[in-house]
Amino acid sequence: MAMGLPELLRLLLVAPWWRDCQTFTDEESLELAAEYLEDMPDLVARRDRAAAALGLDLPEQAEVLARLREVAVRVGESFVLIFTPEGHPYEPLIRS
């Protein structure tokens, strides 16, 4: 879902609803954001404070979603996460 901690933090701060995204479009993400904002109206202020405290510049939502798709689908094809005790691979969260 991300390559490195800074990228993961940007994803979680910009689009905490990423797991519910199916099409990775701005429209879908805006609908999901609206649901989040109903439950947590100060989400944007919290996000901005967290980003400032961490020294992160936050990209646009579309950029974050495009990168998530790229990492999960294209880059993720090169990696297989194995649950070590049982030796079974995890199912990908996102498929192309």
PDB file of N, CA and C in Angstrom:
ATOM      1  N   MET A   1       0.801  -1.192   0.000  1.00  0.00           N
ATOM      2  CA  MET A   1       0.000   0.000   0.000  1.00  0.00           C
ATOM      3  C   MET A   1       0.841   1.251   0.000  1.00  0.00           C
ATOM      4  N   ALA A   2       2.108   1.151   0.420  1.00  0.00           N
ATOM      5  CA  ALA A   2       3.014   2.291   0.362  1.00  0.00           C
ATOM      6  C   ALA A   2       4.446   1.786   0.397  1.00  0.00           C
ATOM      7  N   MET A   3       5.327   2.582  -0.159  1.00  0.00           N
ATOM      8  CA  MET A   3       6.750   2.252  -0.141  1.00  0.00           C
ATOM      9  C   MET A   3       7.439   3.215   0.825  1.00  0.00           C
ATOM     10  N   GLY A   4       7.596   2.779   2.042  1.00  0.00           N
ATOM     11  CA  GLY A   4       8.270   3.588   3.042  1.00  0.00           C
ATOM     12  C   GLY A   4       7.300   4.304   3.961  1.00  0.00           C
ATOM     13  N   LEU A   5       7.808   4.655   5.125  1.00  0.00           N
ATOM     14  CA  LEU A   5       6.981   5.297   6.145  1.00  0.00           C
ATOM     15  C   LEU A   5       6.431   6.658   5.728  1.00  0.00           C
ATOM     16  N   PRO A   6       7.221   7.563   5.129  1.00  0.00           N
ATOM     17  CA  PRO A   6       6.648   8.849   4.729  1.00  0.00           C
ATOM     18  C   PRO A   6       5.478   8.705   3.759  1.00  0.00           C
ATOM     19  N   GLU A   7       5.602   7.788   2.805  1.00  0.00           N
ATOM     20  CA  GLU A   7       4.514   7.578   1.844  1.00  0.00           C
ATOM     21  C   GLU A   7       3.280   7.010   2.534  1.00  0.00           C
ATOM     22  N   LEU A   8       3.487   6.078   3.455  1.00  0.00           N
ATOM     23  CA  LEU A   8       2.367   5.514   4.210  1.00  0.00           C
ATOM     24  C   LEU A   8       1.665   6.592   5.030  1.00  0.00           C
ATOM     25  N   LEU A   9       2.422   7.434   5.693  1.00  0.00           N
ATOM     26  CA  LEU A   9       1.817   8.505   6.489  1.00  0.00           C
ATOM     27  C   LEU A   9       1.020   9.464   5.613  1.00  0.00           C
ATOM     28  N   ARG A  10       1.547   9.792   4.437  1.00  0.00           N
ATOM     29  CA  ARG A  10       0.804  10.678   3.524  1.00  0.00           C
ATOM     30  C   ARG A  10      -0.511  10.031   3.106  1.00  0.00           C
ATOM     31  N   LEU A  11      -0.472   8.744   2.776  1.00  0.00           N
ATOM     32  CA  LEU A  11      -1.699   8.031   2.401  1.00  0.00           C
ATOM     33  C   LEU A  11      -2.712   8.072   3.531  1.00  0.00           C
ATOM     34  N   LEU A  12      -2.278   7.749   4.732  1.00  0.00           N
ATOM     35  CA  LEU A  12      -3.198   7.702   5.873  1.00  0.00           C
ATOM     36  C   LEU A  12      -3.739   9.070   6.243  1.00  0.00           C
ATOM     37  N   LEU A  13      -2.938  10.113   6.053  1.00  0.00           N
ATOM     38  CA  LEU A  13      -3.402  11.456   6.387  1.00  0.00           C
ATOM     39  C   LEU A  13      -4.313  12.037   5.307  1.00  0.00           C
ATOM     40  N   VAL A  14      -3.996  11.788   4.048  1.00  0.00           N
ATOM     41  CA  VAL A  14      -4.777  12.380   2.953  1.00  0.00           C
ATOM     42  C   VAL A  14      -6.043  11.584   2.674  1.00  0.00           C
ATOM     43  N   ALA A  15      -5.963  10.262   2.731  1.00  0.00           N
ATOM     44  CA  ALA A  15      -7.123   9.421   2.393  1.00  0.00           C
ATOM     45  C   ALA A  15      -7.239   8.259   3.382  1.00  0.00           C
ATOM     46  N   PRO A  16      -7.635   8.551   4.628  1.00  0.00           N
ATOM     47  CA  PRO A  16      -7.743   7.473   5.608  1.00  0.00           C
ATOM     48  C   PRO A  16      -8.808   6.430   5.239  1.00  0.00           C
ATOM     49  N   TRP A  17      -9.607   6.717   4.274  1.00  0.00           N
ATOM     50  CA  TRP A  17     -10.662   5.819   3.804  1.00  0.00           C
ATOM     51  C   TRP A  17     -10.178   4.954   2.642  1.00  0.00           C
ATOM     52  N   TRP A  18      -8.873   4.864   2.432  1.00  0.00           N
ATOM     53  CA  TRP A  18      -8.305   4.192   1.266  1.00  0.00           C
ATOM     54  C   TRP A  18      -8.797   2.764   1.088  1.00  0.00           C
ATOM     55  N   ARG A  19      -9.041   2.035   2.172  1.00  0.00           N
ATOM     56  CA  ARG A  19      -9.467   0.625   2.039  1.00  0.00           C
ATOM     57  C   ARG A  19     -10.841   0.487   1.397  1.00  0.00           C
ATOM     58  N   ASP A  20     -11.659   1.523   1.490  1.00  0.00           N
ATOM     59  CA  ASP A  20     -12.993   1.474   0.902  1.00  0.00           C
ATOM     60  C   ASP A  20     -12.994   1.882  -0.567  1.00  0.00           C
ATOM     61  N   CYS A  21     -11.879   2.393  -1.055  1.00  0.00           N
ATOM     62  CA  CYS A  21     -11.794   2.803  -2.461  1.00  0.00           C
ATOM     63  C   CYS A  21     -11.753   1.575  -3.355  1.00  0.00           C
ATOM     64  N   GLN A  22     -12.606   1.545  -4.339  1.00  0.00           N
ATOM     65  CA  GLN A  22     -12.636   0.444  -5.298  1.00  0.00           C
ATOM     66  C   GLN A  22     -12.150   0.892  -6.673  1.00  0.00           C
ATOM     67  N   THR A  23     -12.428   2.161  -7.004  1.00  0.00           N
ATOM     68  CA  THR A  23     -12.084   2.652  -8.341  1.00  0.00           C
ATOM     69  C   THR A  23     -10.945   3.663  -8.332  1.00  0.00           C
ATOM     70  N   PHE A  24     -10.554   4.128  -7.158  1.00  0.00           N
ATOM     71  CA  PHE A  24      -9.453   5.087  -6.999  1.00  0.00           C
ATOM     72  C   PHE A  24      -9.700   6.401  -7.741  1.00  0.00           C
ATOM     73  N   THR A  25     -10.956   6.802  -7.824  1.00  0.00           N
ATOM     74  CA  THR A  25     -11.281   8.062  -8.488  1.00  0.00           C
ATOM     75  C   THR A  25     -11.509   9.151  -7.452  1.00  0.00           C
ATOM     76  N   ASP A  26     -11.377  10.398  -7.908  1.00  0.00           N
ATOM     77  CA  ASP A  26     -11.648  11.535  -7.022  1.00  0.00           C
ATOM     78  C   ASP A  26     -13.095  11.515  -6.537  1.00  0.00           C
ATOM     79  N   GLU A  27     -14.042  11.178  -7.438  1.00  0.00           N
ATOM     80  CA  GLU A  27     -15.454  11.174  -7.050  1.00  0.00           C
ATOM     81  C   GLU A  27     -15.707  10.191  -5.911  1.00  0.00           C
ATOM     82  N   GLU A  28     -15.185   8.990  -6.061  1.00  0.00           N
ATOM     83  CA  GLU A  28     -15.368   7.979  -5.030  1.00  0.00           C
ATOM     84  C   GLU A  28     -14.733   8.430  -3.716  1.00  0.00           C
ATOM     85  N   SER A  29     -13.530   8.964  -3.807  1.00  0.00           N
ATOM     86  CA  SER A  29     -12.831   9.399  -2.606  1.00  0.00           C
ATOM     87  C   SER A  29     -13.553  10.563  -1.930  1.00  0.00           C
ATOM     88  N   LEU A  30     -14.113  11.465  -2.715  1.00  0.00           N
ATOM     89  CA  LEU A  30     -14.861  12.593  -2.138  1.00  0.00           C
ATOM     90  C   LEU A  30     -16.108  12.108  -1.403  1.00  0.00           C
ATOM     91  N   GLU A  31     -16.774  11.090  -1.937  1.00  0.00           N
ATOM     92  CA  GLU A  31     -17.938  10.519  -1.251  1.00  0.00           C
ATOM     93  C   GLU A  31     -17.518   9.885   0.077  1.00  0.00           C
ATOM     94  N   LEU A  32     -16.431   9.148   0.060  1.00  0.00           N
ATOM     95  CA  LEU A  32     -15.930   8.521   1.278  1.00  0.00           C
ATOM     96  C   LEU A  32     -15.470   9.571   2.282  1.00  0.00           C
ATOM     97  N   ALA A  33     -14.853  10.630   1.779  1.00  0.00           N
ATOM     98  CA  ALA A  33     -14.406  11.722   2.654  1.00  0.00           C
ATOM     99  C   ALA A  33     -15.597  12.371   3.344  1.00  0.00           C
ATOM    100  N   ALA A  34     -16.673  12.547   2.610  1.00  0.00           N
ATOM    101  CA  ALA A  34     -17.872  13.154   3.194  1.00  0.00           C
ATOM    102  C   ALA A  34     -18.394  12.323   4.358  1.00  0.00           C
ATOM    103  N   GLU A  35     -18.363  11.000   4.206  1.00  0.00           N
ATOM    104  CA  GLU A  35     -18.800  10.120   5.292  1.00  0.00           C
ATOM    105  C   GLU A  35     -17.890  10.262   6.512  1.00  0.00           C
ATOM    106  N   TYR A  36     -16.597  10.312   6.281  1.00  0.00           N
ATOM    107  CA  TYR A  36     -15.654  10.493   7.379  1.00  0.00           C
ATOM    108  C   TYR A  36     -15.876  11.831   8.078  1.00  0.00           C
ATOM    109  N   LEU A  37     -16.091  12.876   7.292  1.00  0.00           N
ATOM    110  CA  LEU A  37     -16.260  14.212   7.867  1.00  0.00           C
ATOM    111  C   LEU A  37     -17.546  14.336   8.670  1.00  0.00           C
ATOM    112  N   GLU A  38     -18.558  13.537   8.341  1.00  0.00           N
ATOM    113  CA  GLU A  38     -19.781  13.523   9.152  1.00  0.00           C
ATOM    114  C   GLU A  38     -19.469  13.034  10.562  1.00  0.00           C
ATOM    115  N   ASP A  39     -18.638  12.000  10.634  1.00  0.00           N
ATOM    116  CA  ASP A  39     -18.292  11.420  11.933  1.00  0.00           C
ATOM    117  C   ASP A  39     -17.222  12.216  12.673  1.00  0.00           C
ATOM    118  N   MET A  40     -16.345  12.886  11.925  1.00  0.00           N
ATOM    119  CA  MET A  40     -15.240  13.614  12.528  1.00  0.00           C
ATOM    120  C   MET A  40     -15.061  14.951  11.791  1.00  0.00           C
ATOM    121  N   PRO A  41     -15.877  15.954  12.136  1.00  0.00           N
ATOM    122  CA  PRO A  41     -15.844  17.223  11.406  1.00  0.00           C
ATOM    123  C   PRO A  41     -14.494  17.946  11.440  1.00  0.00           C
ATOM    124  N   ASP A  42     -13.673  17.675  12.450  1.00  0.00           N
ATOM    125  CA  ASP A  42     -12.387  18.355  12.543  1.00  0.00           C
ATOM    126  C   ASP A  42     -11.241  17.527  11.954  1.00  0.00           C
ATOM    127  N   LEU A  43     -11.576  16.576  11.096  1.00  0.00           N
ATOM    128  CA  LEU A  43     -10.573  15.694  10.504  1.00  0.00           C
ATOM    129  C   LEU A  43      -9.494  16.475   9.755  1.00  0.00           C
ATOM    130  N   VAL A  44      -9.878  17.453   8.970  1.00  0.00           N
ATOM    131  CA  VAL A  44      -8.904  18.218   8.180  1.00  0.00           C
ATOM    132  C   VAL A  44      -7.950  18.972   9.098  1.00  0.00           C
ATOM    133  N   ALA A  45      -8.471  19.580  10.147  1.00  0.00           N
ATOM    134  CA  ALA A  45      -7.610  20.299  11.088  1.00  0.00           C
ATOM    135  C   ALA A  45      -6.651  19.339  11.785  1.00  0.00           C
ATOM    136  N   ARG A  46      -7.150  18.185  12.183  1.00  0.00           N
ATOM    137  CA  ARG A  46      -6.287  17.171  12.818  1.00  0.00           C
ATOM    138  C   ARG A  46      -5.210  16.702  11.855  1.00  0.00           C
ATOM    139  N   ARG A  47      -5.618  16.451  10.615  1.00  0.00           N
ATOM    140  CA  ARG A  47      -4.670  16.004   9.592  1.00  0.00           C
ATOM    141  C   ARG A  47      -3.575  17.027   9.383  1.00  0.00           C
ATOM    142  N   ASP A  48      -3.963  18.293   9.277  1.00  0.00           N
ATOM    143  CA  ASP A  48      -2.989  19.359   9.048  1.00  0.00           C
ATOM    144  C   ASP A  48      -2.031  19.504  10.226  1.00  0.00           C
ATOM    145  N   ARG A  49      -2.543  19.377  11.445  1.00  0.00           N
ATOM    146  CA  ARG A  49      -1.663  19.451  12.629  1.00  0.00           C
ATOM    147  C   ARG A  49      -0.678  18.285  12.646  1.00  0.00           C
ATOM    148  N   ALA A  50      -1.160  17.103  12.328  1.00  0.00           N
ATOM    149  CA  ALA A  50      -0.288  15.922  12.302  1.00  0.00           C
ATOM    150  C   ALA A  50       0.787  16.069  11.232  1.00  0.00           C
ATOM    151  N   ALA A  51       0.402  16.513  10.047  1.00  0.00           N
ATOM    152  CA  ALA A  51       1.371  16.691   8.958  1.00  0.00           C
ATOM    153  C   ALA A  51       2.427  17.724   9.337  1.00  0.00           C
ATOM    154  N   ALA A  52       1.998  18.818   9.942  1.00  0.00           N
ATOM    155  CA  ALA A  52       2.948  19.854  10.363  1.00  0.00           C
ATOM    156  C   ALA A  52       3.905  19.317  11.430  1.00  0.00           C
ATOM    157  N   ALA A  53       3.371  18.574  12.390  1.00  0.00           N
ATOM    158  CA  ALA A  53       4.212  18.016  13.454  1.00  0.00           C
ATOM    159  C   ALA A  53       5.225  17.017  12.893  1.00  0.00           C
ATOM    160  N   LEU A  54       4.848  16.307  11.839  1.00  0.00           N
ATOM    161  CA  LEU A  54       5.732  15.315  11.232  1.00  0.00           C
ATOM    162  C   LEU A  54       6.620  15.906  10.133  1.00  0.00           C
ATOM    163  N   GLY A  55       6.381  17.183   9.797  1.00  0.00           N
ATOM    164  CA  GLY A  55       7.157  17.825   8.747  1.00  0.00           C
ATOM    165  C   GLY A  55       6.857  17.290   7.363  1.00  0.00           C
ATOM    166  N   LEU A  56       5.602  16.875   7.139  1.00  0.00           N
ATOM    167  CA  LEU A  56       5.201  16.304   5.853  1.00  0.00           C
ATOM    168  C   LEU A  56       4.420  17.312   5.022  1.00  0.00           C
ATOM    169  N   ASP A  57       4.758  17.398   3.755  1.00  0.00           N
ATOM    170  CA  ASP A  57       3.929  18.115   2.796  1.00  0.00           C
ATOM    171  C   ASP A  57       2.921  17.107   2.270  1.00  0.00           C
ATOM    172  N   LEU A  58       1.667  17.499   2.243  1.00  0.00           N
ATOM    173  CA  LEU A  58       0.621  16.573   1.806  1.00  0.00           C
ATOM    174  C   LEU A  58       0.274  16.806   0.341  1.00  0.00           C
ATOM    175  N   PRO A  59       0.346  15.752  -0.464  1.00  0.00           N
ATOM    176  CA  PRO A  59      -0.033  15.871  -1.869  1.00  0.00           C
ATOM    177  C   PRO A  59      -1.547  15.914  -2.010  1.00  0.00           C
ATOM    178  N   GLU A  60      -1.984  16.153  -3.228  1.00  0.00           N
ATOM    179  CA  GLU A  60      -3.415  16.139  -3.517  1.00  0.00           C
ATOM    180  C   GLU A  60      -3.944  14.708  -3.418  1.00  0.00           C
ATOM    181  N   GLN A  61      -5.219  14.609  -3.138  1.00  0.00           N
ATOM    182  CA  GLN A  61      -5.882  13.318  -2.990  1.00  0.00           C
ATOM    183  C   GLN A  61      -5.702  12.438  -4.235  1.00  0.00           C
ATOM    184  N   ALA A  62      -5.847  13.014  -5.423  1.00  0.00           N
ATOM    185  CA  ALA A  62      -5.721  12.244  -6.661  1.00  0.00           C
ATOM    186  C   ALA A  62      -4.332  11.628  -6.782  1.00  0.00           C
ATOM    187  N   GLU A  63      -3.304  12.368  -6.384  1.00  0.00           N
ATOM    188  CA  GLU A  63      -1.932  11.872  -6.443  1.00  0.00           C
ATOM    189  C   GLU A  63      -1.731  10.699  -5.483  1.00  0.00           C
ATOM    190  N   VAL A  64      -2.288  10.825  -4.288  1.00  0.00           N
ATOM    191  CA  VAL A  64      -2.171   9.755  -3.288  1.00  0.00           C
ATOM    192  C   VAL A  64      -2.871   8.489  -3.768  1.00  0.00           C
ATOM    193  N   LEU A  65      -4.063   8.625  -4.327  1.00  0.00           N
ATOM    194  CA  LEU A  65      -4.808   7.460  -4.813  1.00  0.00           C
ATOM    195  C   LEU A  65      -4.117   6.808  -6.008  1.00  0.00           C
ATOM    196  N   ALA A  66      -3.555   7.620  -6.895  1.00  0.00           N
ATOM    197  CA  ALA A  66      -2.832   7.073  -8.045  1.00  0.00           C
ATOM    198  C   ALA A  66      -1.606   6.294  -7.571  1.00  0.00           C
ATOM    199  N   ARG A  67      -0.909   6.833  -6.587  1.00  0.00           N
ATOM    200  CA  ARG A  67       0.274   6.152  -6.060  1.00  0.00           C
ATOM    201  C   ARG A  67      -0.122   4.859  -5.339  1.00  0.00           C
ATOM    202  N   LEU A  68      -1.208   4.886  -4.587  1.00  0.00           N
ATOM    203  CA  LEU A  68      -1.691   3.681  -3.912  1.00  0.00           C
ATOM    204  C   LEU A  68      -1.960   2.585  -4.935  1.00  0.00           C
ATOM    205  N   ARG A  69      -2.649   2.930  -5.996  1.00  0.00           N
ATOM    206  CA  ARG A  69      -2.959   1.941  -7.043  1.00  0.00           C
ATOM    207  C   ARG A  69      -1.681   1.424  -7.688  1.00  0.00           C
ATOM    208  N   GLU A  70      -0.750   2.326  -7.975  1.00  0.00           N
ATOM    209  CA  GLU A  70       0.513   1.928  -8.595  1.00  0.00           C
ATOM    210  C   GLU A  70       1.278   0.943  -7.705  1.00  0.00           C
ATOM    211  N   VAL A  71       1.399   1.271  -6.430  1.00  0.00           N
ATOM    212  CA  VAL A  71       2.144   0.412  -5.504  1.00  0.00           C
ATOM    213  C   VAL A  71       1.427  -0.919  -5.313  1.00  0.00           C
ATOM    214  N   ALA A  72       0.127  -0.870  -5.113  1.00  0.00           N
ATOM    215  CA  ALA A  72      -0.624  -2.095  -4.817  1.00  0.00           C
ATOM    216  C   ALA A  72      -0.735  -3.022  -6.013  1.00  0.00           C
ATOM    217  N   VAL A  73      -0.889  -2.461  -7.190  1.00  0.00           N
ATOM    218  CA  VAL A  73      -1.131  -3.291  -8.367  1.00  0.00           C
ATOM    219  C   VAL A  73       0.163  -3.578  -9.133  1.00  0.00           C
ATOM    220  N   ARG A  74       0.911  -2.549  -9.462  1.00  0.00           N
ATOM    221  CA  ARG A  74       2.097  -2.764 -10.297  1.00  0.00           C
ATOM    222  C   ARG A  74       3.299  -3.212  -9.474  1.00  0.00           C
ATOM    223  N   VAL A  75       3.682  -2.421  -8.500  1.00  0.00           N
ATOM    224  CA  VAL A  75       4.843  -2.762  -7.681  1.00  0.00           C
ATOM    225  C   VAL A  75       4.542  -3.999  -6.841  1.00  0.00           C
ATOM    226  N   GLY A  76       3.311  -4.090  -6.341  1.00  0.00           N
ATOM    227  CA  GLY A  76       2.919  -5.210  -5.499  1.00  0.00           C
ATOM    228  C   GLY A  76       2.980  -6.566  -6.182  1.00  0.00           C
ATOM    229  N   GLU A  77       2.949  -6.586  -7.511  1.00  0.00           N
ATOM    230  CA  GLU A  77       3.055  -7.849  -8.233  1.00  0.00           C
ATOM    231  C   GLU A  77       4.405  -8.514  -8.004  1.00  0.00           C
ATOM    232  N   SER A  78       5.405  -7.718  -7.671  1.00  0.00           N
ATOM    233  CA  SER A  78       6.761  -8.232  -7.483  1.00  0.00           C
ATOM    234  C   SER A  78       6.995  -8.785  -6.083  1.00  0.00           C
ATOM    235  N   PHE A  79       6.057  -8.579  -5.184  1.00  0.00           N
ATOM    236  CA  PHE A  79       6.231  -8.981  -3.802  1.00  0.00           C
ATOM    237  C   PHE A  79       5.098  -9.893  -3.359  1.00  0.00           C
ATOM    238  N   VAL A  80       5.439 -10.884  -2.553  1.00  0.00           N
ATOM    239  CA  VAL A  80       4.434 -11.767  -1.971  1.00  0.00           C
ATOM    240  C   VAL A  80       4.663 -11.770  -0.471  1.00  0.00           C
ATOM    241  N   LEU A  81       3.664 -11.330   0.275  1.00  0.00           N
ATOM    242  CA  LEU A  81       3.756 -11.312   1.728  1.00  0.00           C
ATOM    243  C   LEU A  81       3.321 -12.669   2.257  1.00  0.00           C
ATOM    244  N   ILE A  82       4.186 -13.301   3.029  1.00  0.00           N
ATOM    245  CA  ILE A  82       3.930 -14.643   3.546  1.00  0.00           C
ATOM    246  C   ILE A  82       3.682 -14.564   5.048  1.00  0.00           C
ATOM    247  N   PHE A  83       2.637 -15.242   5.481  1.00  0.00           N
ATOM    248  CA  PHE A  83       2.385 -15.391   6.912  1.00  0.00           C
ATOM    249  C   PHE A  83       3.278 -16.542   7.364  1.00  0.00           C
ATOM    250  N   THR A  84       4.399 -16.220   7.976  1.00  0.00           N
ATOM    251  CA  THR A  84       5.486 -17.161   8.236  1.00  0.00           C
ATOM    252  C   THR A  84       5.089 -18.440   8.972  1.00  0.00           C
ATOM    253  N   PRO A  85       4.380 -18.399  10.092  1.00  0.00           N
ATOM    254  CA  PRO A  85       4.111 -19.656  10.801  1.00  0.00           C
ATOM    255  C   PRO A  85       3.400 -20.712   9.951  1.00  0.00           C
ATOM    256  N   GLU A  86       2.533 -20.277   9.069  1.00  0.00           N
ATOM    257  CA  GLU A  86       1.776 -21.233   8.263  1.00  0.00           C
ATOM    258  C   GLU A  86       2.298 -21.350   6.837  1.00  0.00           C
ATOM    259  N   GLY A  87       3.150 -20.407   6.421  1.00  0.00           N
ATOM    260  CA  GLY A  87       3.712 -20.448   5.077  1.00  0.00           C
ATOM    261  C   GLY A  87       2.751 -20.128   3.961  1.00  0.00           C
ATOM    262  N   HIS A  88       1.631 -19.486   4.270  1.00  0.00           N
ATOM    263  CA  HIS A  88       0.635 -19.145   3.252  1.00  0.00           C
ATOM    264  C   HIS A  88       0.754 -17.669   2.882  1.00  0.00           C
ATOM    265  N   PRO A  89       0.673 -17.352   1.589  1.00  0.00           N
ATOM    266  CA  PRO A  89       0.722 -15.940   1.193  1.00  0.00           C
ATOM    267  C   PRO A  89      -0.593 -15.232   1.522  1.00  0.00           C
ATOM    268  N   TYR A  90      -0.479 -13.957   1.869  1.00  0.00           N
ATOM    269  CA  TYR A  90      -1.665 -13.134   2.065  1.00  0.00           C
ATOM    270  C   TYR A  90      -2.287 -12.836   0.715  1.00  0.00           C
ATOM    271  N   GLU A  91      -3.590 -12.680   0.695  1.00  0.00           N
ATOM    272  CA  GLU A  91      -4.287 -12.249  -0.512  1.00  0.00           C
ATOM    273  C   GLU A  91      -4.035 -10.754  -0.700  1.00  0.00           C
ATOM    274  N   PRO A  92      -3.814 -10.294  -1.917  1.00  0.00           N
ATOM    275  CA  PRO A  92      -3.637  -8.856  -2.145  1.00  0.00           C
ATOM    276  C   PRO A  92      -4.904  -8.082  -1.743  1.00  0.00           C
ATOM    277  N   LEU A  93      -4.712  -6.913  -1.169  1.00  0.00           N
ATOM    278  CA  LEU A  93      -5.848  -6.061  -0.809  1.00  0.00           C
ATOM    279  C   LEU A  93      -6.499  -5.460  -2.039  1.00  0.00           C
ATOM    280  N   ILE A  94      -5.675  -5.206  -3.063  1.00  0.00           N
ATOM    281  CA  ILE A  94      -6.149  -4.530  -4.264  1.00  0.00           C
ATOM    282  C   ILE A  94      -5.703  -5.339  -5.468  1.00  0.00           C
ATOM    283  N   ARG A  95      -6.625  -5.599  -6.350  1.00  0.00           N
ATOM    284  CA  ARG A  95      -6.303  -6.329  -7.581  1.00  0.00           C
ATOM    285  C   ARG A  95      -6.522  -5.415  -8.772  1.00  0.00           C
ATOM    286  N   SER A  96      -5.793  -5.697  -9.832  1.00  0.00           N
ATOM    287  CA  SER A  96      -5.935  -4.846 -11.026  1.00  0.00           C
ATOM    288  C   SER A  96      -7.232  -5.094 -11.749  1.00  0.00           C
TER     289      SER A  96
END
